[in-house]
Amino acid sequence: MQRALEAPEAGDAARREELVRLLGVHRGNISAVASEMGKARMQIQRWLKRYGVDAERFRR
């Protein structure tokens, strides 16, 4: 089933906000964000794609 057709999961907005916040703190370092969240780097990349967040914009 395609993600676009599914109803948003509870907590999606909060997860997206946390990703954006941590990307800012870690300057777009996906590995650091994954480590802080206790998740695999690949999971963070999946969430970034799902929420339409570009980690590059946080890199300075």
N, C-alpha and C. Protein backbone atom coordinates (compact mmCIF):
# COMPACT_ATOMS: atom_id res chain seq x y z
N MET A 1 0.84 -1.18 0.00
CA MET A 1 0.00 0.00 0.00
C MET A 1 0.88 1.24 0.00
N GLN A 2 0.50 2.23 -0.75
CA GLN A 2 1.27 3.46 -0.84
C GLN A 2 1.05 4.33 0.38
N ARG A 3 2.12 4.96 0.84
CA ARG A 3 2.05 5.81 2.03
C ARG A 3 1.10 6.99 1.83
N ALA A 4 1.06 7.56 0.65
CA ALA A 4 0.25 8.75 0.40
C ALA A 4 -1.24 8.47 0.59
N LEU A 5 -1.66 7.21 0.45
CA LEU A 5 -3.06 6.88 0.57
C LEU A 5 -3.45 6.53 2.00
N GLU A 6 -2.47 6.34 2.87
CA GLU A 6 -2.74 5.97 4.25
C GLU A 6 -3.07 7.21 5.09
N ALA A 7 -3.84 6.99 6.13
CA ALA A 7 -4.11 8.07 7.08
C ALA A 7 -2.84 8.36 7.87
N PRO A 8 -2.60 9.60 8.22
CA PRO A 8 -1.40 9.93 9.01
C PRO A 8 -1.43 9.20 10.35
N GLU A 9 -0.28 8.70 10.74
CA GLU A 9 -0.18 8.01 12.02
C GLU A 9 -0.19 9.03 13.15
N ALA A 10 -0.69 8.60 14.30
CA ALA A 10 -0.64 9.45 15.48
C ALA A 10 0.83 9.68 15.82
N GLY A 11 1.20 10.90 16.08
CA GLY A 11 2.58 11.21 16.44
C GLY A 11 3.45 11.60 15.27
N ASP A 12 2.92 11.54 14.05
CA ASP A 12 3.73 11.92 12.89
C ASP A 12 4.21 13.36 12.97
N ALA A 13 3.34 14.27 13.35
CA ALA A 13 3.73 15.68 13.44
C ALA A 13 4.80 15.88 14.50
N ALA A 14 4.64 15.22 15.63
CA ALA A 14 5.64 15.35 16.70
C ALA A 14 6.97 14.75 16.27
N ARG A 15 6.93 13.62 15.58
CA ARG A 15 8.17 12.99 15.11
C ARG A 15 8.87 13.89 14.10
N ARG A 16 8.10 14.48 13.19
CA ARG A 16 8.70 15.38 12.19
C ARG A 16 9.35 16.58 12.87
N GLU A 17 8.66 17.15 13.84
CA GLU A 17 9.21 18.30 14.57
C GLU A 17 10.50 17.93 15.28
N GLU A 18 10.53 16.74 15.89
CA GLU A 18 11.74 16.29 16.58
C GLU A 18 12.88 16.07 15.59
N LEU A 19 12.59 15.49 14.43
CA LEU A 19 13.62 15.32 13.40
C LEU A 19 14.20 16.66 12.97
N VAL A 20 13.33 17.61 12.70
CA VAL A 20 13.78 18.93 12.26
C VAL A 20 14.62 19.59 13.35
N ARG A 21 14.17 19.49 14.59
CA ARG A 21 14.92 20.08 15.71
C ARG A 21 16.31 19.45 15.82
N LEU A 22 16.37 18.13 15.78
CA LEU A 22 17.65 17.45 15.93
C LEU A 22 18.56 17.67 14.73
N LEU A 23 17.99 17.78 13.55
CA LEU A 23 18.82 18.09 12.37
C LEU A 23 19.47 19.46 12.54
N GLY A 24 18.74 20.40 13.12
CA GLY A 24 19.32 21.72 13.38
C GLY A 24 20.43 21.65 14.41
N VAL A 25 20.19 20.90 15.48
CA VAL A 25 21.18 20.75 16.55
C VAL A 25 22.45 20.09 16.01
N HIS A 26 22.27 19.07 15.18
CA HIS A 26 23.41 18.28 14.68
C HIS A 26 23.85 18.70 13.27
N ARG A 27 23.36 19.85 12.82
CA ARG A 27 23.76 20.41 11.52
C ARG A 27 23.60 19.44 10.36
N GLY A 28 22.48 18.72 10.35
CA GLY A 28 22.17 17.83 9.24
C GLY A 28 22.86 16.48 9.30
N ASN A 29 23.51 16.16 10.40
CA ASN A 29 24.21 14.89 10.55
C ASN A 29 23.20 13.80 10.90
N ILE A 30 22.86 12.99 9.92
CA ILE A 30 21.84 11.97 10.09
C ILE A 30 22.28 10.90 11.10
N SER A 31 23.53 10.54 11.09
CA SER A 31 24.04 9.55 12.04
C SER A 31 23.90 10.03 13.48
N ALA A 32 24.18 11.30 13.71
CA ALA A 32 24.06 11.86 15.06
C ALA A 32 22.60 11.91 15.49
N VAL A 33 21.71 12.24 14.58
CA VAL A 33 20.28 12.27 14.89
C VAL A 33 19.81 10.85 15.24
N ALA A 34 20.23 9.88 14.44
CA ALA A 34 19.85 8.48 14.69
C ALA A 34 20.35 8.03 16.06
N SER A 35 21.57 8.37 16.37
CA SER A 35 22.15 7.98 17.65
C SER A 35 21.36 8.58 18.81
N GLU A 36 21.04 9.85 18.71
CA GLU A 36 20.31 10.52 19.79
C GLU A 36 18.89 9.96 19.96
N MET A 37 18.28 9.56 18.84
CA MET A 37 16.93 9.02 18.91
C MET A 37 16.91 7.52 19.21
N GLY A 38 18.09 6.90 19.20
CA GLY A 38 18.16 5.45 19.44
C GLY A 38 17.61 4.64 18.29
N LYS A 39 17.76 5.17 17.08
CA LYS A 39 17.24 4.52 15.88
C LYS A 39 18.37 4.25 14.90
N ALA A 40 18.11 3.40 13.93
CA ALA A 40 19.07 3.13 12.86
C ALA A 40 19.09 4.32 11.90
N ARG A 41 20.24 4.57 11.31
CA ARG A 41 20.39 5.66 10.34
C ARG A 41 19.38 5.51 9.19
N MET A 42 19.18 4.27 8.75
CA MET A 42 18.25 4.01 7.65
C MET A 42 16.82 4.41 8.02
N GLN A 43 16.44 4.20 9.28
CA GLN A 43 15.10 4.60 9.73
C GLN A 43 14.94 6.11 9.65
N ILE A 44 15.97 6.85 10.04
CA ILE A 44 15.92 8.31 9.97
C ILE A 44 15.77 8.73 8.51
N GLN A 45 16.51 8.09 7.61
CA GLN A 45 16.40 8.43 6.19
C GLN A 45 15.00 8.15 5.66
N ARG A 46 14.39 7.06 6.10
CA ARG A 46 13.00 6.75 5.68
C ARG A 46 12.05 7.85 6.16
N TRP A 47 12.21 8.26 7.42
CA TRP A 47 11.34 9.31 7.96
C TRP A 47 11.55 10.63 7.23
N LEU A 48 12.80 10.96 6.92
CA LEU A 48 13.06 12.20 6.19
C LEU A 48 12.34 12.19 4.85
N LYS A 49 12.40 11.06 4.17
CA LYS A 49 11.71 10.95 2.89
C LYS A 49 10.20 11.04 3.08
N ARG A 50 9.67 10.33 4.08
CA ARG A 50 8.23 10.31 4.35
C ARG A 50 7.70 11.72 4.64
N TYR A 51 8.46 12.49 5.42
CA TYR A 51 8.00 13.81 5.83
C TYR A 51 8.47 14.94 4.91
N GLY A 52 9.22 14.59 3.87
CA GLY A 52 9.66 15.60 2.91
C GLY A 52 10.67 16.58 3.50
N VAL A 53 11.55 16.08 4.36
CA VAL A 53 12.57 16.92 4.99
C VAL A 53 13.90 16.67 4.31
N ASP A 54 14.58 17.74 3.92
CA ASP A 54 15.89 17.65 3.26
C ASP A 54 16.98 17.99 4.27
N ALA A 55 17.77 16.98 4.65
CA ALA A 55 18.84 17.18 5.63
C ALA A 55 19.90 18.16 5.14
N GLU A 56 20.05 18.28 3.84
CA GLU A 56 21.06 19.18 3.27
C GLU A 56 20.86 20.63 3.70
N ARG A 57 19.62 21.03 3.87
CA ARG A 57 19.37 22.45 4.22
C ARG A 57 19.84 22.81 5.63
N PHE A 58 20.15 21.79 6.44
CA PHE A 58 20.62 22.02 7.79
C PHE A 58 22.14 22.03 7.90
N ARG A 59 22.80 21.66 6.83
CA ARG A 59 24.27 21.60 6.84
C ARG A 59 24.84 22.97 6.54
N ARG A 60 25.80 23.35 7.36
CA ARG A 60 26.42 24.67 7.19
C ARG A 60 27.87 24.53 6.88
